[in-house]
N, C-alpha and C. Protein backbone atom coordinates (compact mmCIF):
# COMPACT_ATOMS: atom_id res chain seq x y z
N UNK A 1 11.06 -5.42 -0.86
CA UNK A 1 9.77 -5.45 -0.16
C UNK A 1 9.20 -6.79 0.23
N UNK A 2 8.60 -6.83 1.18
CA UNK A 2 8.71 -7.65 1.86
C UNK A 2 8.36 -9.05 1.79
N UNK A 3 8.77 -10.26 1.96
CA UNK A 3 8.39 -11.33 1.07
C UNK A 3 6.91 -11.90 0.94
N UNK A 4 6.04 -11.67 2.42
CA UNK A 4 4.50 -12.18 2.34
C UNK A 4 4.45 -11.04 1.15
N UNK A 5 4.56 -9.94 0.68
CA UNK A 5 3.92 -9.37 -0.08
C UNK A 5 3.42 -9.92 -1.29
N UNK A 6 4.97 -10.14 -1.56
CA UNK A 6 6.11 -10.59 -2.92
C UNK A 6 5.17 -11.95 -2.74
N UNK A 7 4.61 -12.66 -1.73
CA UNK A 7 4.11 -14.34 -2.13
C UNK A 7 2.58 -13.74 -2.65
N UNK A 8 1.84 -12.88 -1.82
CA UNK A 8 0.69 -12.35 -1.89
C UNK A 8 0.40 -12.14 -3.20
N UNK A 9 0.64 -11.29 -3.99
CA UNK A 9 0.84 -10.40 -5.39
C UNK A 9 1.06 -11.92 -5.82
N UNK A 10 2.01 -12.29 -5.95
CA UNK A 10 2.14 -13.41 -6.91
C UNK A 10 1.12 -14.65 -6.94
N UNK A 11 0.55 -14.48 -5.78
CA UNK A 11 -0.62 -16.22 -5.68
C UNK A 11 -2.04 -15.28 -6.35
N UNK A 12 -2.19 -13.65 -5.92
CA UNK A 12 -3.02 -13.19 -7.11
C UNK A 12 -2.93 -13.09 -8.69
N UNK A 13 -1.22 -12.47 -8.99
CA UNK A 13 -1.51 -13.10 -10.19
C UNK A 13 -1.58 -14.07 -11.13
N UNK A 14 -1.21 -14.89 -10.23
CA UNK A 14 -1.59 -16.70 -10.48
C UNK A 14 -2.87 -16.68 -10.50
N UNK A 15 -3.81 -16.69 -9.61
CA UNK A 15 -4.89 -16.75 -9.93
C UNK A 15 -5.76 -16.21 -10.67
N UNK A 16 -5.54 -15.05 -11.32
CA UNK A 16 -6.47 -14.31 -12.02
C UNK A 16 -5.70 -14.37 -13.49
N UNK A 17 -4.32 -15.31 -13.56
CA UNK A 17 -4.13 -15.94 -14.84
C UNK A 17 -4.96 -17.34 -14.98
N UNK A 18 -5.08 -17.89 -14.18
CA UNK A 18 -5.68 -19.67 -14.28
C UNK A 18 -7.10 -19.09 -14.34
N UNK A 19 -7.83 -18.27 -13.75
CA UNK A 19 -9.02 -18.21 -13.72
C UNK A 19 -9.63 -17.38 -15.01
N UNK A 20 -8.62 -16.75 -15.86
CA UNK A 20 -8.64 -15.94 -17.07
C UNK A 20 -8.61 -17.15 -18.37
N UNK A 21 -8.19 -17.94 -18.00
CA UNK A 21 -7.72 -19.19 -19.17
C UNK A 21 -9.17 -20.02 -19.21
N UNK A 22 -9.50 -20.34 -17.38
CA UNK A 22 -10.81 -20.64 -17.76
C UNK A 22 -12.17 -20.29 -18.24
N UNK A 23 -12.12 -18.87 -17.93
CA UNK A 23 -13.39 -18.02 -18.20
C UNK A 23 -13.00 -16.84 -18.90
N UNK A 24 -11.90 -16.62 -19.36
CA UNK A 24 -11.91 -15.17 -19.98
C UNK A 24 -12.06 -14.04 -18.65
N UNK A 25 -11.16 -13.33 -19.01
CA UNK A 25 -10.37 -11.74 -17.67
C UNK A 25 -11.56 -11.35 -17.50
N UNK A 26 -12.51 -11.04 -18.28
CA UNK A 26 -14.08 -10.34 -18.29
C UNK A 26 -14.86 -10.76 -17.64
N UNK A 27 -14.91 -12.07 -17.34
CA UNK A 27 -15.93 -13.23 -16.52
C UNK A 27 -15.52 -13.21 -15.16
N UNK A 28 -14.52 -12.78 -14.67
CA UNK A 28 -14.04 -13.19 -13.53
C UNK A 28 -14.05 -11.51 -12.55
N UNK A 29 -14.37 -11.84 -11.28
CA UNK A 29 -14.52 -10.86 -10.54
C UNK A 29 -13.49 -10.88 -9.54
N UNK A 30 -13.32 -9.72 -8.38
CA UNK A 30 -11.82 -9.81 -7.45
C UNK A 30 -12.06 -10.77 -6.54
N UNK A 31 -13.93 -10.98 -6.03
CA UNK A 31 -13.92 -12.09 -5.27
C UNK A 31 -13.57 -13.46 -5.80
N UNK A 32 -13.73 -13.44 -6.89
CA UNK A 32 -13.33 -14.84 -7.89
C UNK A 32 -11.98 -15.25 -7.46
N UNK A 33 -11.15 -13.96 -7.95
CA UNK A 33 -9.32 -13.58 -7.61
C UNK A 33 -9.02 -14.02 -6.59
N UNK A 34 -9.70 -13.27 -5.51
CA UNK A 34 -9.49 -13.43 -3.77
C UNK A 34 -9.43 -14.99 -3.13
N UNK A 35 -11.08 -15.60 -4.09
CA UNK A 35 -10.84 -16.60 -3.35
C UNK A 35 -9.75 -18.30 -4.19
N UNK A 36 -9.84 -17.84 -5.54
CA UNK A 36 -8.99 -18.74 -6.10
C UNK A 36 -7.58 -18.45 -5.19
N UNK A 37 -6.91 -17.38 -4.90
CA UNK A 37 -5.72 -17.09 -4.12
C UNK A 37 -5.82 -17.16 -2.74
N UNK A 38 -7.23 -18.02 -2.49
CA UNK A 38 -6.87 -18.14 -0.84
C UNK A 38 -7.00 -16.66 0.32
N UNK A 39 -7.57 -15.93 -0.53
CA UNK A 39 -7.42 -14.63 0.72
C UNK A 39 -8.38 -14.15 0.71
N UNK A 40 -8.79 -13.32 1.51
CA UNK A 40 -10.08 -12.38 1.82
C UNK A 40 -10.00 -10.85 0.42
N UNK A 41 -11.37 -10.80 -0.01
CA UNK A 41 -10.93 -9.34 -0.35
C UNK A 41 -10.31 -7.94 -0.22
N UNK A 42 -10.58 -7.97 1.52
CA UNK A 42 -9.99 -7.17 2.19
C UNK A 42 -8.48 -6.57 1.53
N UNK A 43 -8.00 -8.16 1.69
CA UNK A 43 -6.42 -8.36 1.42
C UNK A 43 -6.37 -8.52 0.48
N UNK A 44 -6.85 -8.13 -1.02
CA UNK A 44 -6.82 -8.21 -2.48
C UNK A 44 -6.43 -6.89 -2.51
N UNK A 45 -7.65 -5.64 -1.71
CA UNK A 45 -7.37 -4.36 -1.73
C UNK A 45 -6.47 -3.58 -0.87
N UNK A 46 -5.91 -4.39 -0.01
CA UNK A 46 -4.40 -3.99 0.25
C UNK A 46 -3.36 -4.14 -0.38
N UNK A 47 -3.73 -4.71 -1.72
CA UNK A 47 -2.60 -4.97 -2.71
C UNK A 47 -2.81 -4.10 -4.19
N UNK A 48 -4.25 -4.12 -4.46
CA UNK A 48 -4.30 -3.77 -5.70
C UNK A 48 -5.78 -2.83 -5.82
N UNK A 49 -5.67 -1.94 -6.37
CA UNK A 49 -6.92 -0.96 -6.13
C UNK A 49 -8.24 -1.89 -7.00
N UNK A 50 -7.60 -2.43 -8.21
CA UNK A 50 -8.63 -3.09 -9.14
C UNK A 50 -8.14 -4.10 -9.62
N UNK A 51 -8.86 -5.22 -10.09
CA UNK A 51 -8.32 -6.04 -11.16
C UNK A 51 -7.54 -5.44 -12.48
N UNK A 52 -7.72 -4.43 -12.94
CA UNK A 52 -7.31 -4.08 -13.89
C UNK A 52 -5.62 -3.87 -13.38
N UNK A 53 -5.39 -2.88 -12.62
CA UNK A 53 -4.26 -3.33 -11.82
C UNK A 53 -3.26 -3.95 -11.69
N UNK A 54 -3.84 -4.69 -11.02
CA UNK A 54 -3.48 -6.27 -10.74
C UNK A 54 -3.37 -6.92 -12.30
N UNK A 55 -4.05 -7.11 -13.21
CA UNK A 55 -3.46 -7.52 -14.47
C UNK A 55 -2.32 -6.56 -15.00
N UNK A 56 -2.51 -5.58 -15.10
CA UNK A 56 -1.13 -4.71 -15.40
C UNK A 56 0.40 -5.29 -14.87
N UNK A 57 -0.06 -5.55 -13.34
CA UNK A 57 1.39 -6.17 -12.75
C UNK A 57 1.61 -7.92 -13.13
N UNK A 58 0.23 -8.35 -13.15
CA UNK A 58 0.76 -9.78 -14.05
C UNK A 58 1.32 -9.60 -15.14
N UNK A 59 0.83 -9.23 -16.16
CA UNK A 59 1.19 -9.42 -17.75
C UNK A 59 2.80 -8.58 -17.64
N UNK A 60 3.11 -7.27 -16.75
CA UNK A 60 4.98 -7.18 -16.68
C UNK A 60 5.65 -8.43 -16.17
N UNK A 61 5.05 -8.74 -14.83
CA UNK A 61 5.92 -10.14 -14.62
C UNK A 61 5.99 -11.26 -15.46
N UNK A 62 4.89 -11.35 -16.02
CA UNK A 62 5.29 -12.56 -17.26
C UNK A 62 5.96 -12.20 -18.27
N UNK A 63 6.03 -11.10 -18.77
CA UNK A 63 6.85 -10.42 -19.65
C UNK A 63 8.58 -10.79 -18.96
N UNK A 64 8.29 -10.17 -18.21
CA UNK A 64 9.92 -10.23 -17.23
C UNK A 64 10.49 -11.87 -17.12
N UNK A 65 9.65 -12.70 -16.62
CA UNK A 65 10.09 -14.27 -16.60
C UNK A 65 10.22 -14.71 -18.21
N UNK A 66 9.67 -14.70 -19.01
CA UNK A 66 9.40 -14.79 -20.60
C UNK A 66 11.01 -14.57 -21.24
N UNK A 67 11.58 -13.49 -20.34
CA UNK A 67 12.82 -12.57 -21.32
C UNK A 67 12.50 -11.78 -21.91
N UNK A 68 11.27 -11.17 -22.02
CA UNK A 68 10.92 -10.22 -22.81
C UNK A 68 10.98 -9.07 -22.24
N UNK A 69 12.40 -8.33 -21.97
CA UNK A 69 12.59 -7.55 -21.46
C UNK A 69 12.70 -6.08 -22.39
N UNK A 70 11.97 -5.40 -22.42
CA UNK A 70 12.57 -4.06 -23.20
C UNK A 70 13.34 -3.53 -23.37
N UNK A 71 14.33 -3.45 -22.05
CA UNK A 71 15.15 -2.44 -22.11
C UNK A 71 16.37 -3.17 -22.36
N UNK A 72 16.02 -4.36 -22.97
CA UNK A 72 17.65 -4.60 -23.48
C UNK A 72 17.53 -5.11 -24.71
N UNK A 73 16.56 -4.01 -25.36
CA UNK A 73 17.18 -3.94 -26.31
C UNK A 73 18.12 -3.71 -27.40
N UNK A 74 18.42 -4.09 -28.16
CA UNK A 74 19.78 -3.93 -29.18
C UNK A 74 19.96 -3.71 -30.52
N UNK A 75 20.24 -2.82 -31.09
CA UNK A 75 20.06 -2.76 -32.68
C UNK A 75 21.20 -3.37 -33.22
N UNK A 76 20.63 -4.71 -34.11
CA UNK A 76 21.42 -5.51 -34.62
C UNK A 76 21.00 -5.56 -36.28
N UNK A 77 21.00 -6.38 -37.03
CA UNK A 77 20.77 -6.60 -38.22
C UNK A 77 19.39 -7.89 -37.78
N UNK A 78 18.31 -7.15 -38.39
CA UNK A 78 16.73 -7.79 -37.93
C UNK A 78 16.74 -7.40 -36.62
N UNK A 79 15.26 -7.46 -36.45
CA UNK A 79 14.73 -7.34 -35.13
C UNK A 79 15.39 -7.88 -33.86
N UNK A 80 15.16 -6.92 -32.84
CA UNK A 80 16.04 -7.56 -31.95
C UNK A 80 15.31 -8.56 -30.94
N UNK A 81 16.26 -9.72 -30.68
CA UNK A 81 15.61 -10.81 -29.93
C UNK A 81 15.14 -10.39 -28.89
N UNK A 82 15.28 -9.41 -28.09
CA UNK A 82 14.23 -8.79 -26.85
C UNK A 82 12.78 -8.36 -27.68
N UNK A 83 12.55 -7.61 -28.46
CA UNK A 83 11.62 -7.30 -29.26
C UNK A 83 10.55 -8.84 -29.81
N UNK A 84 11.71 -9.65 -30.46
CA UNK A 84 10.63 -11.23 -30.98
C UNK A 84 10.54 -11.84 -29.30
N UNK A 85 11.27 -11.83 -28.55
CA UNK A 85 10.20 -12.37 -27.28
C UNK A 85 9.64 -11.88 -26.46
N UNK A 86 9.42 -10.24 -26.82
CA UNK A 86 8.44 -9.64 -26.12
C UNK A 86 6.60 -10.38 -26.73
N UNK A 87 6.90 -9.82 -27.90
CA UNK A 87 6.30 -10.49 -28.93
C UNK A 87 5.72 -12.04 -28.64
N UNK A 88 6.55 -12.60 -28.49
CA UNK A 88 6.13 -14.08 -28.30
C UNK A 88 5.44 -14.25 -27.21
N UNK A 89 5.80 -13.47 -26.07
CA UNK A 89 5.02 -13.42 -24.64
C UNK A 89 3.47 -13.06 -25.25
N UNK A 90 3.68 -11.58 -26.07
CA UNK A 90 1.95 -11.43 -26.16
C UNK A 90 1.50 -12.82 -26.90
N UNK A 91 2.26 -13.15 -27.86
CA UNK A 91 1.62 -13.86 -28.57
C UNK A 91 1.03 -15.18 -27.56
N UNK A 92 1.88 -15.69 -26.71
CA UNK A 92 1.23 -16.78 -25.30
C UNK A 92 0.04 -16.28 -24.94
N UNK A 93 -0.24 -14.80 -24.60
CA UNK A 93 -1.11 -14.71 -23.93
C UNK A 93 -2.09 -13.87 -24.48
N UNK A 94 -2.29 -13.77 -25.94
CA UNK A 94 -2.65 -13.29 -26.71
C UNK A 94 -4.26 -12.75 -26.90
N UNK A 95 -5.01 -13.36 -25.79
CA UNK A 95 -6.47 -13.42 -25.23
C UNK A 95 -6.47 -12.55 -24.40
N UNK A 96 -6.04 -12.33 -23.69
CA UNK A 96 -5.92 -11.54 -22.80
C UNK A 96 -5.14 -10.18 -23.17
N UNK A 97 -4.12 -10.23 -24.37
CA UNK A 97 -3.90 -8.59 -25.06
C UNK A 97 -4.48 -8.26 -25.83
N UNK A 98 -5.49 -9.21 -26.34
CA UNK A 98 -6.26 -8.96 -27.58
C UNK A 98 -7.33 -8.00 -26.58
N UNK A 99 -7.91 -8.31 -25.45
CA UNK A 99 -8.75 -7.64 -24.71
C UNK A 99 -8.43 -6.43 -24.40
N UNK A 100 -7.06 -6.10 -23.75
CA UNK A 100 -6.28 -4.60 -23.76
C UNK A 100 -6.70 -3.89 -24.55
N UNK A 101 -6.29 -3.96 -25.87
CA UNK A 101 -6.70 -3.20 -27.28
C UNK A 101 -7.72 -3.30 -27.51
N UNK A 102 -8.92 -3.81 -27.54
CA UNK A 102 -10.04 -4.15 -28.32
C UNK A 102 -11.02 -3.56 -26.84
N UNK A 103 -11.15 -4.07 -25.69
CA UNK A 103 -11.97 -4.11 -24.80
C UNK A 103 -11.92 -2.54 -23.78
N UNK A 104 -13.33 -1.60 -23.80
CA UNK A 104 -13.27 -0.85 -22.77
C UNK A 104 -12.78 -0.74 -21.52
N UNK A 105 -12.39 -0.60 -20.62
CA UNK A 105 -11.92 -0.89 -19.45
C UNK A 105 -10.78 -1.34 -18.93
N UNK A 106 -9.64 -1.38 -19.96
CA UNK A 106 -8.41 -1.68 -19.99
C UNK A 106 -7.38 -0.64 -20.23
N UNK A 107 -8.08 0.46 -19.69
CA UNK A 107 -6.67 1.58 -20.63
C UNK A 107 -5.97 1.55 -19.40
N UNK A 108 -5.65 1.14 -18.36
CA UNK A 108 -4.40 1.47 -17.23
C UNK A 108 -3.35 0.15 -17.79
N UNK A 109 -3.71 -0.41 -17.91
CA UNK A 109 -2.95 -1.89 -18.63
C UNK A 109 -2.34 -1.60 -19.60
N UNK A 110 -3.09 -0.65 -20.99
CA UNK A 110 -2.75 -0.15 -21.74
C UNK A 110 -1.49 1.00 -21.61
N UNK A 111 -1.84 1.78 -21.05
CA UNK A 111 -0.98 2.73 -20.38
C UNK A 111 0.02 2.21 -19.27
N UNK A 112 0.12 1.43 -18.82
CA UNK A 112 1.35 0.81 -18.29
C UNK A 112 2.21 0.18 -19.41
N UNK A 113 1.68 -0.82 -20.52
CA UNK A 113 2.25 -0.86 -21.76
C UNK A 113 3.27 0.07 -22.20
N UNK A 114 2.42 0.93 -22.40
CA UNK A 114 2.98 2.40 -22.92
C UNK A 114 3.76 3.00 -22.48
N UNK A 115 3.68 3.37 -21.35
CA UNK A 115 4.89 3.56 -19.97
C UNK A 115 6.26 2.81 -20.51
N UNK A 116 6.07 1.61 -20.33
CA UNK A 116 7.35 0.59 -20.12
C UNK A 116 7.87 0.56 -21.26
N UNK A 117 7.14 1.03 -22.75
CA UNK A 117 7.83 0.55 -23.79
C UNK A 117 8.63 2.06 -24.41
N UNK A 118 7.70 3.38 -23.86
CA UNK A 118 8.40 4.51 -24.28
C UNK A 118 9.65 4.59 -23.23
N UNK A 119 9.79 4.20 -21.95
CA UNK A 119 11.03 4.34 -21.27
C UNK A 119 12.40 3.43 -21.98
N UNK A 120 11.83 2.72 -21.80
CA UNK A 120 12.88 1.82 -22.63
C UNK A 120 13.76 2.24 -24.12
N UNK A 121 12.52 2.72 -24.85
CA UNK A 121 12.64 2.99 -25.78
C UNK A 121 13.69 4.89 -25.93
N UNK A 122 13.17 5.75 -24.64
CA UNK A 122 13.87 6.59 -24.31
C UNK A 122 15.34 6.51 -23.88
N UNK A 123 15.72 4.96 -23.25
CA UNK A 123 17.14 4.59 -22.58
C UNK A 123 17.90 4.15 -24.27
N UNK A 124 17.52 4.07 -24.98
CA UNK A 124 18.29 3.63 -26.20
C UNK A 124 18.78 4.81 -26.84
N UNK A 125 18.44 6.08 -26.49
CA UNK A 125 18.61 7.35 -27.07
C UNK A 125 20.04 7.16 -28.47
N UNK A 126 20.87 7.24 -28.05
CA UNK A 126 22.21 7.05 -28.83
C UNK A 126 21.60 6.30 -30.16
N UNK A 127 20.84 4.79 -30.26
CA UNK A 127 20.69 3.75 -31.26
C UNK A 127 19.92 4.54 -31.95
N UNK A 128 18.31 5.15 -31.23
CA UNK A 128 17.67 5.50 -32.04
C UNK A 128 17.69 6.95 -32.67
N UNK A 129 18.34 7.88 -31.67
CA UNK A 129 19.18 8.93 -32.67
C UNK A 129 19.86 8.42 -34.23
N UNK A 130 20.69 7.40 -33.90
CA UNK A 130 21.31 6.99 -35.36
C UNK A 130 20.49 6.16 -36.24
N UNK A 131 19.33 5.89 -35.68
CA UNK A 131 17.86 4.91 -36.71
C UNK A 131 17.33 6.28 -37.73
N UNK A 132 16.54 7.41 -36.47
CA UNK A 132 15.60 8.26 -37.12
C UNK A 132 16.71 9.17 -38.16
N UNK A 133 18.02 9.33 -37.73
CA UNK A 133 18.77 10.18 -38.15
C UNK A 133 18.44 12.11 -38.41
N UNK A 134 17.72 12.06 -37.24
CA UNK A 134 16.87 13.61 -37.04
C UNK A 134 17.36 14.35 -35.88
N UNK A 135 17.35 15.32 -36.00
CA UNK A 135 17.74 16.08 -34.61
C UNK A 135 15.67 16.09 -33.84
N UNK A 136 15.43 15.28 -33.57
CA UNK A 136 14.31 15.29 -32.91
C UNK A 136 14.40 15.00 -31.42
N UNK A 137 13.48 15.50 -30.80
CA UNK A 137 13.84 15.29 -29.06
C UNK A 137 13.45 13.70 -28.73
N UNK A 138 14.23 13.05 -28.12
CA UNK A 138 13.81 11.60 -27.88
C UNK A 138 12.85 11.08 -27.41
N UNK A 139 12.45 12.13 -26.65
CA UNK A 139 11.08 11.80 -25.93
C UNK A 139 10.01 11.79 -26.88
N UNK A 140 10.30 12.49 -27.98
CA UNK A 140 9.09 12.34 -29.29
C UNK A 140 9.34 11.46 -30.05
N UNK A 141 10.44 11.29 -30.43
CA UNK A 141 10.83 10.01 -31.06
C UNK A 141 10.32 8.52 -30.21
N UNK A 142 10.87 8.42 -29.18
CA UNK A 142 10.69 7.39 -27.88
C UNK A 142 8.87 7.30 -28.42
N UNK A 143 7.89 8.33 -28.24
CA UNK A 143 6.62 8.47 -28.43
C UNK A 143 5.91 8.10 -29.61
N UNK A 144 6.77 8.40 -30.55
CA UNK A 144 6.47 7.59 -32.00
C UNK A 144 6.73 6.37 -32.42
N UNK A 145 7.89 5.63 -31.62
CA UNK A 145 8.20 4.75 -31.69
C UNK A 145 7.11 3.69 -31.05
N UNK A 146 6.98 3.83 -29.88
CA UNK A 146 6.01 3.23 -29.42
C UNK A 146 4.71 3.18 -29.82
N UNK A 147 3.88 4.25 -30.41
CA UNK A 147 2.86 4.59 -30.67
C UNK A 147 2.82 3.33 -32.32
N UNK A 148 3.83 3.82 -32.70
CA UNK A 148 3.47 2.79 -33.85
C UNK A 148 3.93 0.97 -33.53
N UNK A 149 4.52 0.54 -32.37
CA UNK A 149 4.74 -0.49 -31.92
C UNK A 149 3.00 -1.05 -31.25
N UNK A 150 2.88 -0.15 -30.64
CA UNK A 150 1.74 -0.70 -30.16
C UNK A 150 0.59 -0.83 -31.19
N UNK A 151 0.12 -0.09 -32.31
CA UNK A 151 -0.75 -0.06 -33.26
C UNK A 151 -0.04 -1.38 -34.14
N UNK A 152 1.26 -1.47 -34.45
CA UNK A 152 1.39 -2.72 -35.00
C UNK A 152 0.63 -4.24 -34.22
N UNK A 153 1.17 -4.19 -33.02
CA UNK A 153 0.75 -5.50 -32.21
C UNK A 153 -1.06 -5.26 -32.29
N UNK A 154 -1.52 -4.12 -32.21
CA UNK A 154 -3.07 -4.39 -32.03
C UNK A 154 -3.90 -4.98 -33.28
N UNK A 155 -2.85 -4.23 -34.40
CA UNK A 155 -3.82 -4.80 -35.26
C UNK A 155 -3.24 -6.27 -35.73
N UNK A 156 -1.69 -7.10 -35.24
CA UNK A 156 -1.44 -8.14 -35.62
C UNK A 156 -2.49 -9.18 -34.54
N UNK A 157 -2.56 -8.77 -33.19
CA UNK A 157 -3.34 -9.26 -32.61
C UNK A 157 -5.13 -9.71 -32.92
N UNK A 158 -5.46 -9.04 -33.65
CA UNK A 158 -6.77 -8.83 -34.31
C UNK A 158 -6.82 -9.69 -35.39
N UNK A 159 -5.83 -10.09 -36.04
CA UNK A 159 -5.80 -10.77 -37.30
C UNK A 159 -6.66 -11.89 -37.06
N UNK A 160 -7.28 -12.47 -38.02
CA UNK A 160 -7.87 -13.64 -37.75
C UNK A 160 -7.18 -15.03 -37.75
N UNK A 161 -6.22 -14.81 -39.35
CA UNK A 161 -4.98 -15.69 -39.15
C UNK A 161 -3.68 -15.02 -38.61
N UNK A 162 -3.34 -15.10 -37.26
CA UNK A 162 -2.25 -14.40 -36.97
C UNK A 162 -1.05 -14.73 -37.50
N UNK A 163 0.08 -14.02 -37.78
CA UNK A 163 1.05 -14.93 -38.27
C UNK A 163 2.05 -14.83 -36.86
N UNK A 164 3.03 -15.64 -36.85
CA UNK A 164 3.95 -15.76 -35.77
C UNK A 164 4.47 -14.13 -35.38
N UNK A 165 4.92 -14.07 -34.02
CA UNK A 165 5.82 -13.33 -33.31
C UNK A 165 6.46 -12.97 -34.16
N UNK A 166 7.47 -13.57 -34.57
CA UNK A 166 8.71 -13.04 -35.40
C UNK A 166 8.59 -12.57 -36.45
N UNK A 167 7.07 -12.67 -37.31
CA UNK A 167 6.73 -12.00 -38.16
C UNK A 167 6.05 -10.81 -37.96
N UNK A 168 5.44 -10.44 -36.83
CA UNK A 168 5.06 -9.17 -36.52
C UNK A 168 6.44 -8.31 -35.51
N UNK A 169 7.22 -8.76 -35.46
CA UNK A 169 8.30 -8.42 -35.00
C UNK A 169 9.53 -7.57 -36.10
N UNK A 170 9.46 -8.49 -37.33
CA UNK A 170 9.83 -7.87 -38.65
C UNK A 170 8.84 -6.96 -38.81
N UNK A 171 8.03 -6.65 -38.90
CA UNK A 171 6.90 -5.83 -39.36
C UNK A 171 7.42 -4.30 -38.68
N UNK A 172 7.25 -4.67 -37.27
CA UNK A 172 7.80 -3.32 -36.16
C UNK A 172 9.34 -2.86 -36.79
N UNK A 173 10.29 -3.78 -37.17
CA UNK A 173 11.62 -3.27 -37.44
C UNK A 173 11.57 -2.81 -38.61
N UNK A 174 11.26 -3.20 -39.69
CA UNK A 174 10.63 -2.40 -40.86
C UNK A 174 10.19 -1.04 -40.81
N UNK A 175 9.43 -0.90 -40.16
CA UNK A 175 8.52 0.24 -40.03
C UNK A 175 9.56 1.30 -39.49
N UNK A 176 10.14 0.80 -38.20
CA UNK A 176 11.04 1.89 -37.66
C UNK A 176 12.02 2.20 -38.20
N UNK A 177 12.55 1.39 -39.36
CA UNK A 177 13.90 1.88 -40.26
C UNK A 177 13.19 2.77 -41.12
N UNK A 178 11.99 2.38 -41.55
CA UNK A 178 11.33 3.56 -42.93
C UNK A 178 11.51 2.80 -44.16
N UNK A 179 12.30 1.74 -44.25
CA UNK A 179 12.36 1.32 -45.69
C UNK A 179 12.26 -0.23 -45.55
N UNK A 180 10.79 -0.96 -46.20
CA UNK A 180 11.38 -2.74 -46.00
C UNK A 180 12.32 -3.00 -46.01
N UNK A 181 12.60 -4.12 -44.88
CA UNK A 181 13.95 -4.66 -45.58
C UNK A 181 15.09 -4.01 -45.14
N UNK A 182 15.47 -3.14 -45.00
CA UNK A 182 16.45 -2.07 -44.51
C UNK A 182 16.99 -2.72 -42.83
N UNK A 183 18.43 -2.48 -43.09
CA UNK A 183 19.20 -2.78 -42.14
C UNK A 183 20.10 -1.78 -41.57
N UNK A 184 20.08 -1.48 -39.64
CA UNK A 184 20.66 -0.41 -39.36
C UNK A 184 21.93 -0.15 -40.22
N UNK A 185 22.20 1.26 -40.53
CA UNK A 185 23.55 1.90 -40.55
C UNK A 185 23.35 1.22 -42.06
N UNK A 186 22.31 0.80 -43.22
CA UNK A 186 22.99 0.73 -44.52
C UNK A 186 22.28 2.01 -45.30
């Protein structure tokens, strides 16, 4: 991708995060984002169709930079480190993720998150097959695990006294294994 495009998109993503921390993502407009990024509205629309698509890209980039690469999940004892890092990223940006899970109008962000998770889990077909020990289509297993992870994330984010990300990762892991406290291959 052209360096100017990368720079402009990065500038828009950073502007969105700065403004969202100041006022909340629901309170900012495309004009606000463009002004903070030092570009005009028409340039914004050359890169993004709306604020929601920008938010989805920004959250993807922030997750990657945090080392929360869902494609790097390895099945060992305990929750995979990539899952813990991803949930730590979500925890760090909990206000924005909570809006994605609870407010109308953020369906594209949630759909992108669902797609990324499903693809990451699909790529783990041999390990997933070993864990579920059933002859199910990998797409069905990936969709089921993705729905479960997103459900746990939504509940965790909505908790008044939210435990740390490592605890949420442990919940996810235990549910995936189907037995509280069980380890893979046990």
